[in-house]
Every structure is written in structure tokens, then in C-alpha cells.
Amino acid sequence: MKTSFISFLLSIGCFLPFSVQAQKTTDSLAKQAYLPDCIQYALTHQPIVRQSIIDQEVAERTVQSSLAAWYPQIAAGYNLQHFLKLPVTLIPNPVTGERVPTALGAQNTSTVSFSVTQSIFNRDLLLASQTADAYRLQAAQTTVNNKINVVVNVSKAFYDLILTQRQVDILSEDITRLQRSLQDATNQYQGGIVDKTDPQRARIALNNSLAQRKQFSDLIGSKYQVLKQLMGYPPNVQLSVTYDTLQLANEVALDTLQLVNPQDRIEYQLLQTQGRLLTANVRYNRLAFLPTVGAFANYNLLYQNNAFGQLYSQTFPNSLIGLAVALPIFQGGRRIQQLRISELQVQRLNWDLAALTSAVDAEYAQSLATYKGNLANYLALRENQLLAEDVYRIINLQYRSGIKTYLDVTIAEADLRTARLNVFNALYQTIVSKLDVQQALGAIRFQP
């Protein structure tokens, strides 16, 4: 239902001026942008996607241009010439039989011609007809391939950004807790309960967290710019991303029992389309041994007169129709060599398909193993976070009761901070490896 609604909105948006539509889109993303919003924007505005769509239109017009030669070709011509000296021909004298030089023709001539040609058999046109659909499909599949890469890259950049934002949030919460601990340690030191090392340790831990938060905060701006670049988003326009932490944690799930099928990969489909084009090229080279056949019709209006002012006063029309057949008989073996080259190109493509099949299997096995390892690590670290929170809570109570030293509190705080940061790092690695598995499976799809 949501997908249909988005498609409906996009169909309406096609009728809006591009600048207005882009402005409204950027305004909405500046307020709140979830991952699907960023992906949808990228699929509409990313330069490589826009270029691919233009390439599709170029491919369509190239096909139409090639197929246009099947239609009758109509041409017109005009010619005007003035003889400075008329050509001379030797004409036999009917009485003496002697050949007498005689000037023939009019001093001024003009010709208006009309011609119609129709191809009947031409291997170039046959190739264009046979490969038109494959040529269009190749351009469409290239667009799909670019869209898949955009989805993966934007998703990874989005997750990387929100991970950094979450790290800053975690460190901010840690800083608040450390400031409270520093104040407690300082009060206890002033009250003579503890020595000065406790507030010093608290200050060290606080300074470390402040420095770490500053480091991650500075990274947020650069990662926003990376995300904007991958989306095709204006670099100077504000972008604000948001996410659902619960939904993010639920996105790590993946069916690991799926079987990889190389034919689901767009790269494999592109090679198959290329194979269709190469096979058609083999047929094209085989047709080189056949003649080219075409029909033609000409109609000419001939004007001639010795007086230029009266040139167009009288016309002498002529017309003809004919059939043209051209058959190359010997070309030094060039046609045989070109045919062999095209056959070898088909054989080479078959090896490309075999290599890609092997590469897809290896890529899937590697990405799946990485995903399983990252998932196990994430689940373990999530449990460690719960344990670290419990440990810190207990030790902090014991410290306040005078049972534990502040060193124990410092260690527990560091363990808790590390555990929380590690959980989100592991979550990011798991989601990214899941994307790699989905890409290896060919599960990210668009209709060509």
C-alpha cells in the first residue's frame, strides 16, 4: 500500500516543474528524512541515475534512427551549369563518311531531380532490426545496475551517519553521568571521605569522553556531505536524517537458507544481453556473403537553352525505375576473418558468464559468512551491554555505600561506555554485511 502511494505521488510529481519539485523535496528532507526517503530522492536526483535514463533515451533514438533506413528514402536535387565551351563529338558525315567535329548540347542546362530508393535486402538493416530490443534492454539494465549501486551506497552512508550520531548521543549521556560522578567525588574529597585521586580519576574519564565526543561530532558534518553526494542532494542545503532505533535493531534479521542464483544478478543479465548482441553480430557477418538489393525510381526535369533568360521556358523530362544488386565477390578473406572474430567473441563471453557465476558464488559465501559472524558478535555485545549496565549500577551503589573504591566505578563506567559503543558498531557492521548478502543474492531489484 505504501509503495503504491509513493508511486502515485511520483507520477503526479512528473507534471510539476522540476525546480519546484526539487525545492519541495529538499524542504521535506530537511525537516525529517528516513532511509526510504533518502533512497527515493537518490533514485530521482543522483547524477549517475539521471545519466543512465538519458542514455536509455539515446539508445531508443539510436534504434529508431537505424530502423528509419527501412522506409523509402526520398531525395531531391537541383543542378545549374553554364558551358564556357560546349563539348565536341566526332559525328560521321552521311555523304562523305568523314567524321566532323560537332559541338553538341545547349550552353545553359539545369536539372531538377527527384529520387526514391527502397532497401529490399541489407544486412546492416537486418542487424538493426534483430538487435533493437536487446539494445534497448541493455540500456535499461545498465540503469537498473546503477540504481542498485545507488541504493546500497546510500544505505551504507545513511547507517554510517546515524551510527556516528548515536555514538555522540551515547558519549553525551556518558558525559552527564561522569559530570555527576566528578561532582560526587569532589564532594567526598572535600568532606575528607576519599583522597584527591578519586576526583582526578573522574576528571580524566570526563576529559576522555569530551575529547571522544568532539571527534565523533566533527565526523558528522563530513558524513552528511558524503550522504548528500551519494544522493545527489544540494551540498549547501540542510539535510536532517532520523531513524527508529527499534526498527533498526529489527533490520538485522536475514534468511540465511536462501540459495544464490547467478541469473538473479543484474551483472549476469547484462552479460546475457551482450551475448544476444554478439550472436546477432555473428549472423551479420555470415550475411556478408549475400548481395545487397534495393529498388530505385528517378524523375528528372531537364532544362536547356543557349539563352540563359529562356532556360526554363521548356523542359525535357525523363524518368526511370530500376533494381540494384551489389555482390562483393572477393575481399581478400576479410569477411571470413570478421566472421571468425565474432564467433570468438561469443566464446569469450561464455567464459565471462562462467567466471561471473563462480565469482557470485564466492561473493555470496563470503558475505554470508561475514554476516553470520557480525550477527553473532552483535548479539554477544548486546548481552554484554546489559551486563555492563547491571555491573555499573551495582558498583556505583556499593561505592556510594563505601564498599567499593572509585577505581572500580571508573572501570565499570569505561566498560559500560565501551559496551554501548560496541553494540552500535556491531549493529552497523551487521546491517552493512546484510546489504552485501542481499546484493550478492540479487535481492535488490528494479524492473528494467
Protein backbone atom coordinates (compact mmCIF):
# COMPACT_ATOMS: atom_id res chain seq x y z
CA MET A 1 0.00 0.00 0.00
CA LYS A 2 2.86 2.39 0.90
CA THR A 3 4.71 1.61 -2.33
CA SER A 4 1.61 2.29 -4.42
CA PHE A 5 1.08 5.60 -2.64
CA ILE A 6 4.68 6.67 -3.28
CA SER A 7 4.36 5.69 -6.95
CA PHE A 8 1.17 7.76 -7.19
CA LEU A 9 2.90 10.79 -5.73
CA LEU A 10 5.83 10.36 -8.08
CA SER A 11 3.51 10.12 -11.09
CA ILE A 12 1.89 13.39 -10.07
CA GLY A 13 5.29 14.96 -9.50
CA CYS A 14 6.27 14.32 -13.11
CA PHE A 15 3.84 17.07 -14.18
CA LEU A 16 5.38 19.67 -11.89
CA PRO A 17 8.25 21.93 -12.94
CA PHE A 18 11.50 20.27 -11.96
CA SER A 19 12.81 23.20 -9.95
CA VAL A 20 9.62 23.45 -7.88
CA GLN A 21 9.51 19.71 -7.32
CA ALA A 22 13.17 19.62 -6.28
CA GLN A 23 12.66 22.53 -3.87
CA LYS A 24 9.68 20.86 -2.21
CA THR A 25 11.59 17.59 -1.95
CA THR A 26 14.63 19.17 -0.35
CA ASP A 27 12.43 21.12 2.08
CA SER A 28 10.71 17.94 3.22
CA LEU A 29 14.00 16.08 3.60
CA ALA A 30 15.50 18.96 5.58
CA LYS A 31 12.81 18.50 8.23
CA GLN A 32 12.94 14.74 8.59
CA ALA A 33 14.44 12.10 6.30
CA TYR A 34 14.24 8.37 6.90
CA LEU A 35 16.26 5.90 4.87
CA PRO A 36 13.46 5.24 2.30
CA ASP A 37 13.17 9.00 1.77
CA CYS A 38 16.90 9.29 1.09
CA ILE A 39 16.83 6.34 -1.30
CA GLN A 40 13.81 7.69 -3.18
CA TYR A 41 15.47 11.08 -3.51
CA ALA A 42 18.71 9.48 -4.75
CA LEU A 43 16.88 7.41 -7.37
CA THR A 44 15.39 10.64 -8.73
CA HIS A 45 18.31 13.06 -8.45
CA GLN A 46 21.56 11.10 -8.38
CA PRO A 47 23.57 12.18 -11.45
CA ILE A 48 24.56 8.67 -12.49
CA VAL A 49 20.90 7.59 -12.46
CA ARG A 50 19.85 10.66 -14.41
CA GLN A 51 22.63 9.99 -16.92
CA SER A 52 21.52 6.37 -17.27
CA ILE A 53 17.96 7.49 -18.02
CA ILE A 54 19.29 9.86 -20.66
CA ASP A 55 21.39 7.02 -22.08
CA GLN A 56 18.21 4.97 -22.37
CA GLU A 57 16.60 7.74 -24.39
CA VAL A 58 19.72 7.98 -26.54
CA ALA A 59 19.57 4.21 -27.12
CA GLU A 60 15.90 4.44 -28.13
CA ARG A 61 16.58 7.24 -30.59
CA THR A 62 19.62 5.39 -31.95
CA VAL A 63 17.42 2.36 -32.62
CA GLN A 64 14.78 4.50 -34.32
CA SER A 65 17.46 6.19 -36.39
CA SER A 66 18.84 2.84 -37.57
CA LEU A 67 15.41 1.41 -38.38
CA ALA A 68 14.45 4.52 -40.34
CA ALA A 69 16.52 3.21 -43.27
CA TRP A 70 13.84 0.55 -43.91
CA TYR A 71 11.45 3.28 -45.06
CA PRO A 72 11.60 4.65 -48.61
CA GLN A 73 14.32 7.26 -48.89
CA ILE A 74 13.15 10.29 -50.89
CA ALA A 75 15.60 12.89 -52.16
CA ALA A 76 15.55 15.93 -54.42
CA GLY A 77 18.33 17.67 -56.26
CA TYR A 78 18.95 20.79 -58.31
CA ASN A 79 21.70 21.50 -60.77
CA LEU A 80 22.54 24.59 -62.87
CA GLN A 81 25.51 24.78 -65.22
CA HIS A 82 26.81 27.03 -67.99
CA PHE A 83 29.26 25.70 -70.59
CA LEU A 84 32.05 28.13 -71.33
CA LYS A 85 32.74 25.91 -74.30
CA LEU A 86 30.44 23.14 -75.46
CA PRO A 87 31.82 19.61 -75.63
CA VAL A 88 32.69 18.38 -79.11
CA THR A 89 31.86 15.00 -80.59
CA LEU A 90 33.06 13.47 -83.86
CA ILE A 91 29.96 12.73 -85.95
CA PRO A 92 30.24 10.93 -89.35
CA ASN A 93 29.13 12.92 -92.42
CA PRO A 94 26.27 10.91 -94.03
CA VAL A 95 27.55 11.79 -97.51
CA THR A 96 31.33 11.54 -97.28
CA GLY A 97 31.54 9.36 -94.21
CA GLU A 98 34.15 11.66 -92.77
CA ARG A 99 33.97 12.35 -89.04
CA VAL A 100 33.28 16.01 -88.47
CA PRO A 101 33.84 17.70 -85.04
CA THR A 102 30.46 18.94 -83.91
CA ALA A 103 29.52 20.84 -80.73
CA LEU A 104 26.57 19.21 -79.02
CA GLY A 105 24.20 20.39 -76.32
CA ALA A 106 22.95 23.71 -75.05
CA GLN A 107 25.14 26.30 -73.47
CA ASN A 108 22.91 26.51 -70.37
CA THR A 109 21.43 23.45 -68.68
CA SER A 110 19.55 22.89 -65.43
CA THR A 111 18.22 19.75 -63.85
CA VAL A 112 15.64 19.22 -61.13
CA SER A 113 15.63 15.61 -59.94
CA PHE A 114 13.53 13.50 -57.61
CA SER A 115 14.60 10.04 -56.46
CA VAL A 116 13.11 7.28 -54.34
CA THR A 117 15.15 4.33 -53.07
CA GLN A 118 13.89 1.33 -51.14
CA SER A 119 16.13 -1.19 -49.42
CA ILE A 120 14.99 -4.76 -50.03
CA PHE A 121 17.85 -6.72 -48.51
CA ASN A 122 20.58 -5.04 -46.47
CA ARG A 123 22.47 -6.79 -43.69
CA ASP A 124 23.02 -3.55 -41.76
CA LEU A 125 19.28 -3.02 -41.57
CA LEU A 126 18.68 -6.65 -40.66
CA LEU A 127 21.16 -6.29 -37.78
CA ALA A 128 19.39 -3.14 -36.57
CA SER A 129 16.02 -4.92 -36.64
CA GLN A 130 17.28 -8.04 -34.85
CA THR A 131 19.17 -6.17 -32.10
CA ALA A 132 16.75 -3.31 -31.44
CA ASP A 133 15.09 -4.93 -28.40
CA ALA A 134 18.40 -6.19 -26.99
CA TYR A 135 19.96 -2.76 -27.41
CA ARG A 136 17.08 -1.13 -25.53
CA LEU A 137 17.24 -3.81 -22.83
CA GLN A 138 20.97 -3.30 -22.37
CA ALA A 139 20.47 0.41 -21.70
CA ALA A 140 17.62 -0.34 -19.27
CA GLN A 141 19.68 -2.97 -17.44
CA THR A 142 22.54 -0.52 -17.08
CA THR A 143 20.12 1.88 -15.40
CA VAL A 144 18.97 -0.90 -13.07
CA ASN A 145 22.58 -1.74 -12.20
CA ASN A 146 23.29 1.89 -11.35
CA LYS A 147 20.12 2.13 -9.26
CA ILE A 148 21.11 -0.97 -7.26
CA ASN A 149 24.54 0.52 -6.56
CA VAL A 150 22.93 3.81 -5.52
CA VAL A 151 20.57 2.03 -3.10
CA VAL A 152 23.43 0.09 -1.50
CA ASN A 153 25.78 3.07 -1.27
CA VAL A 154 23.14 5.45 0.10
CA SER A 155 22.02 2.85 2.66
CA LYS A 156 25.57 2.28 3.89
CA ALA A 157 26.25 6.02 4.11
CA PHE A 158 22.94 6.55 5.95
CA TYR A 159 23.71 3.84 8.51
CA ASP A 160 27.25 5.16 8.93
CA LEU A 161 25.88 8.63 9.65
CA ILE A 162 23.29 7.55 12.19
CA LEU A 163 25.89 5.31 13.86
CA THR A 164 28.10 8.34 14.38
CA GLN A 165 25.13 10.36 15.66
CA ARG A 166 24.28 7.59 18.08
CA GLN A 167 27.87 7.45 19.28
CA VAL A 168 27.69 11.16 20.04
CA ASP A 169 24.44 10.61 21.95
CA ILE A 170 25.96 7.78 23.95
CA LEU A 171 29.01 9.89 24.82
CA SER A 172 26.77 12.80 25.79
CA GLU A 173 24.88 10.55 28.20
CA ASP A 174 28.21 9.25 29.48
CA ILE A 175 29.48 12.80 29.97
CA THR A 176 26.39 13.69 32.00
CA ARG A 177 26.99 10.66 34.18
CA LEU A 178 30.71 11.45 34.55
CA GLN A 179 29.98 15.06 35.48
CA ARG A 180 27.71 13.80 38.22
CA SER A 181 30.39 11.33 39.34
CA LEU A 182 33.00 14.10 39.32
CA GLN A 183 30.78 16.25 41.50
CA ASP A 184 30.17 13.35 43.91
CA ALA A 185 33.88 12.52 44.08
CA THR A 186 34.76 16.17 44.64
CA ASN A 187 32.20 16.47 47.45
CA GLN A 188 33.53 13.32 49.10
CA TYR A 189 37.10 14.58 48.79
CA GLN A 190 36.17 17.91 50.33
CA GLY A 191 34.39 16.04 53.10
CA GLY A 192 37.53 14.01 53.79
CA ILE A 193 35.92 10.72 52.85
CA VAL A 194 38.24 9.95 49.90
CA ASP A 195 41.62 11.20 48.75
CA LYS A 196 42.18 13.51 45.80
CA THR A 197 42.81 10.65 43.34
CA ASP A 198 39.08 9.97 43.06
CA PRO A 199 38.15 13.39 41.61
CA GLN A 200 41.30 13.24 39.48
CA ARG A 201 40.24 9.90 38.01
CA ALA A 202 36.77 11.32 37.42
CA ARG A 203 38.27 14.34 35.65
CA ILE A 204 40.44 12.08 33.45
CA ALA A 205 37.47 9.96 32.44
CA LEU A 206 35.38 13.07 31.74
CA ASN A 207 38.10 14.66 29.60
CA ASN A 208 38.48 11.47 27.59
CA SER A 209 34.75 11.32 26.89
CA LEU A 210 34.65 15.01 25.96
CA ALA A 211 37.51 14.55 23.51
CA GLN A 212 35.93 11.44 22.04
CA ARG A 213 32.57 13.19 21.60
CA LYS A 214 34.28 16.14 19.89
CA GLN A 215 35.93 13.71 17.50
CA PHE A 216 32.67 12.00 16.56
CA SER A 217 30.79 15.33 16.39
CA ASP A 218 33.25 16.64 13.82
CA LEU A 219 32.75 13.50 11.73
CA ILE A 220 29.00 14.04 11.48
CA GLY A 221 29.37 17.00 9.13
CA SER A 222 31.65 15.14 6.72
CA LYS A 223 29.39 12.08 6.71
CA TYR A 224 26.40 14.28 5.95
CA GLN A 225 28.29 15.60 2.92
CA VAL A 226 29.11 12.06 1.80
CA LEU A 227 25.46 11.08 2.07
CA LYS A 228 24.39 14.20 0.14
CA GLN A 229 26.88 13.44 -2.60
CA LEU A 230 25.63 9.87 -2.97
CA MET A 231 22.02 11.12 -3.01
CA GLY A 232 22.65 13.91 -5.50
CA TYR A 233 21.43 16.30 -2.79
CA PRO A 234 22.47 20.00 -2.93
CA PRO A 235 25.58 20.30 -0.73
CA ASN A 236 24.59 23.66 0.76
CA VAL A 237 21.00 22.68 1.60
CA GLN A 238 20.22 21.38 5.08
CA LEU A 239 19.55 17.67 5.43
CA SER A 240 18.30 16.09 8.63
CA VAL A 241 18.13 12.31 8.95
CA THR A 242 16.19 10.36 11.53
CA TYR A 243 15.68 6.70 12.37
CA ASP A 244 13.79 4.34 14.60
CA THR A 245 16.21 2.55 16.94
CA LEU A 246 13.83 -0.39 17.43
CA GLN A 247 13.25 -0.71 13.69
CA LEU A 248 17.00 -0.50 13.12
CA ALA A 249 17.60 -3.40 15.50
CA ASN A 250 14.89 -5.44 13.77
CA GLU A 251 16.53 -4.95 10.35
CA VAL A 252 19.44 -7.26 11.18
CA ALA A 253 17.32 -10.37 10.54
CA LEU A 254 18.00 -12.26 7.31
CA ASP A 255 17.07 -15.65 5.92
CA THR A 256 20.42 -17.42 5.65
CA LEU A 257 18.96 -20.52 3.98
CA GLN A 258 18.46 -18.84 0.62
CA LEU A 259 20.32 -20.30 -2.34
CA VAL A 260 22.21 -17.99 -4.64
CA ASN A 261 21.25 -17.96 -8.31
CA PRO A 262 23.69 -16.05 -10.53
CA GLN A 263 20.92 -15.37 -13.05
CA ASP A 264 19.23 -13.12 -10.48
CA ARG A 265 22.19 -10.75 -10.62
CA ILE A 266 21.88 -7.78 -12.95
CA GLU A 267 25.52 -8.26 -13.97
CA TYR A 268 24.66 -11.74 -15.27
CA GLN A 269 21.62 -10.41 -17.10
CA LEU A 270 23.75 -7.71 -18.72
CA LEU A 271 26.16 -10.37 -19.97
CA GLN A 272 23.26 -12.38 -21.35
CA THR A 273 22.02 -9.33 -23.25
CA GLN A 274 25.52 -8.71 -24.52
CA GLY A 275 25.55 -12.33 -25.67
CA ARG A 276 22.40 -11.72 -27.71
CA LEU A 277 24.09 -8.78 -29.40
CA LEU A 278 27.24 -10.78 -30.14
CA THR A 279 25.21 -13.68 -31.54
CA ALA A 280 23.40 -11.25 -33.82
CA ASN A 281 26.79 -9.95 -34.91
CA VAL A 282 27.78 -13.49 -35.95
CA ARG A 283 24.68 -13.69 -38.15
CA TYR A 284 25.50 -10.25 -39.53
CA ASN A 285 28.96 -11.37 -40.63
CA ARG A 286 27.54 -14.51 -42.22
CA LEU A 287 25.22 -12.36 -44.31
CA ALA A 288 28.26 -10.57 -45.76
CA PHE A 289 28.39 -13.27 -48.47
CA LEU A 290 24.92 -12.30 -49.73
CA PRO A 291 24.18 -9.41 -52.07
CA THR A 292 22.62 -6.09 -51.14
CA VAL A 293 19.38 -5.50 -53.01
CA GLY A 294 17.48 -2.25 -53.47
CA ALA A 295 14.97 -0.65 -55.80
CA PHE A 296 15.04 2.90 -57.07
CA ALA A 297 12.98 5.33 -59.13
CA ASN A 298 14.14 8.66 -60.60
CA TYR A 299 12.26 11.52 -62.23
CA ASN A 300 14.26 14.35 -63.79
CA LEU A 301 13.23 17.68 -65.27
CA LEU A 302 15.90 18.79 -67.75
CA TYR A 303 16.05 22.41 -68.90
CA GLN A 304 18.44 23.55 -71.64
CA ASN A 305 18.75 26.62 -73.78
CA ASN A 306 21.54 28.70 -75.27
CA ALA A 307 19.90 31.86 -73.95
CA PHE A 308 20.10 31.97 -70.15
CA GLY A 309 16.97 34.11 -69.84
CA GLN A 310 14.93 31.46 -71.65
CA LEU A 311 16.46 28.48 -69.84
CA TYR A 312 13.28 27.49 -68.01
CA SER A 313 10.92 28.13 -70.90
CA GLN A 314 10.91 24.49 -71.95
CA THR A 315 11.50 21.25 -70.10
CA PHE A 316 12.61 17.83 -71.23
CA PRO A 317 11.52 15.35 -68.53
CA ASN A 318 12.78 11.80 -68.18
CA SER A 319 12.12 9.05 -65.65
CA LEU A 320 13.27 5.57 -64.84
CA ILE A 321 12.88 2.73 -62.37
CA GLY A 322 15.38 0.04 -61.59
CA LEU A 323 16.72 -2.66 -59.32
CA ALA A 324 20.25 -2.54 -57.91
CA VAL A 325 22.12 -5.64 -56.77
CA ALA A 326 25.63 -5.40 -55.32
CA LEU A 327 27.63 -8.54 -54.57
CA PRO A 328 31.20 -8.32 -53.33
CA ILE A 329 32.99 -11.31 -54.81
CA PHE A 330 36.47 -11.22 -53.34
CA GLN A 331 37.77 -9.07 -50.47
CA GLY A 332 40.99 -10.86 -49.63
CA GLY A 333 39.39 -13.07 -46.94
CA ARG A 334 38.26 -10.11 -44.82
CA ARG A 335 34.70 -11.42 -44.43
CA ILE A 336 35.93 -14.83 -43.22
CA GLN A 337 38.20 -13.21 -40.63
CA GLN A 338 35.43 -10.92 -39.36
CA LEU A 339 33.11 -13.91 -39.03
CA ARG A 340 35.74 -15.79 -37.04
CA ILE A 341 36.32 -12.79 -34.79
CA SER A 342 32.60 -12.53 -33.98
CA GLU A 343 32.47 -16.26 -33.17
CA LEU A 344 35.47 -15.94 -30.85
CA GLN A 345 33.80 -13.01 -29.09
CA VAL A 346 30.79 -15.24 -28.34
CA GLN A 347 33.11 -17.92 -26.95
CA ARG A 348 34.87 -15.34 -24.79
CA LEU A 349 31.55 -14.11 -23.43
CA ASN A 350 30.66 -17.66 -22.41
CA TRP A 351 33.80 -17.69 -20.28
CA ASP A 352 32.78 -14.34 -18.80
CA LEU A 353 29.49 -15.93 -17.74
CA ALA A 354 31.36 -18.87 -16.21
CA ALA A 355 33.72 -16.53 -14.35
CA LEU A 356 30.85 -14.40 -13.07
CA THR A 357 28.97 -17.50 -11.86
CA SER A 358 32.00 -18.56 -9.85
CA ALA A 359 32.54 -15.02 -8.55
CA VAL A 360 28.90 -14.71 -7.45
CA ASP A 361 29.09 -17.99 -5.54
CA ALA A 362 32.29 -16.89 -3.82
CA GLU A 363 30.90 -13.41 -3.09
CA TYR A 364 27.75 -14.85 -1.56
CA ALA A 365 29.66 -17.35 0.57
CA GLN A 366 31.99 -14.64 1.84
CA SER A 367 29.27 -12.07 2.51
CA LEU A 368 27.08 -14.68 4.24
CA ALA A 369 29.96 -15.78 6.48
CA THR A 370 30.71 -12.16 7.33
CA TYR A 371 27.05 -11.52 8.12
CA LYS A 372 26.78 -14.54 10.40
CA GLY A 373 29.95 -13.54 12.22
CA ASN A 374 28.79 -9.94 12.64
CA LEU A 375 25.35 -11.08 13.80
CA ALA A 376 26.85 -13.37 16.43
CA ASN A 377 29.14 -10.58 17.56
CA TYR A 378 26.21 -8.13 17.75
CA LEU A 379 24.09 -10.49 19.84
CA ALA A 380 27.01 -11.14 22.19
CA LEU A 381 27.80 -7.45 22.57
CA ARG A 382 24.16 -6.63 23.19
CA GLU A 383 24.17 -9.11 26.07
CA ASN A 384 27.45 -7.60 27.29
CA GLN A 385 25.81 -4.18 27.34
CA LEU A 386 23.03 -5.43 29.61
CA LEU A 387 25.63 -7.00 31.89
CA ALA A 388 27.76 -3.85 31.89
CA GLU A 389 24.74 -1.72 32.82
CA ASP A 390 23.94 -4.05 35.72
CA VAL A 391 27.58 -4.13 36.86
CA TYR A 392 27.84 -0.36 36.79
CA ARG A 393 24.59 0.06 38.70
CA ILE A 394 25.70 -2.32 41.46
CA ILE A 395 29.27 -0.97 41.77
CA ASN A 396 28.02 2.61 41.81
CA LEU A 397 25.68 1.76 44.70
CA GLN A 398 28.48 -0.04 46.51
CA TYR A 399 30.79 2.97 46.02
CA ARG A 400 28.18 5.28 47.46
CA SER A 401 27.89 2.90 50.39
CA GLY A 402 31.66 2.93 50.89
CA ILE A 403 32.16 -0.70 49.89
CA LYS A 404 33.92 -0.14 46.52
CA THR A 405 36.65 2.31 45.54
CA TYR A 406 36.22 4.93 42.86
CA LEU A 407 38.66 2.98 40.69
CA ASP A 408 36.07 0.24 40.48
CA VAL A 409 33.46 2.81 39.43
CA THR A 410 35.79 4.21 36.76
CA ILE A 411 36.40 0.76 35.33
CA ALA A 412 32.68 -0.03 35.34
CA GLU A 413 31.89 3.26 33.60
CA ALA A 414 34.53 2.62 30.95
CA ASP A 415 33.21 -0.90 30.41
CA LEU A 416 29.66 0.42 30.07
CA ARG A 417 30.68 3.14 27.62
CA THR A 418 32.70 0.69 25.54
CA ALA A 419 29.88 -1.86 25.58
CA ARG A 420 27.32 0.67 24.36
CA LEU A 421 29.59 1.97 21.60
CA ASN A 422 30.50 -1.56 20.56
CA VAL A 423 26.84 -2.55 20.26
CA PHE A 424 26.15 0.16 17.69
CA ASN A 425 29.38 -0.56 15.86
CA ALA A 426 28.37 -4.21 15.65
CA LEU A 427 24.84 -3.24 14.59
CA TYR A 428 26.26 -1.14 11.76
CA GLN A 429 28.58 -3.93 10.62
CA THR A 430 25.72 -6.42 10.70
CA ILE A 431 23.37 -4.25 8.65
CA VAL A 432 26.09 -3.45 6.11
CA SER A 433 27.00 -7.12 5.73
CA LYS A 434 23.29 -7.89 5.31
CA LEU A 435 23.21 -5.42 2.42
CA ASP A 436 26.20 -7.21 0.90
CA VAL A 437 24.38 -10.55 1.17
CA GLN A 438 21.25 -9.11 -0.44
CA GLN A 439 23.31 -7.63 -3.25
CA ALA A 440 25.11 -10.94 -3.77
CA LEU A 441 21.75 -12.72 -3.93
CA GLY A 442 20.39 -10.23 -6.43
CA ALA A 443 17.59 -9.47 -3.98
CA ILE A 444 17.74 -5.71 -4.64
CA ARG A 445 15.77 -5.43 -7.86
CA PHE A 446 14.26 -2.92 -10.24
CA GLN A 447 12.28 -3.58 -13.37
CA PRO A 448 14.37 -2.82 -16.49
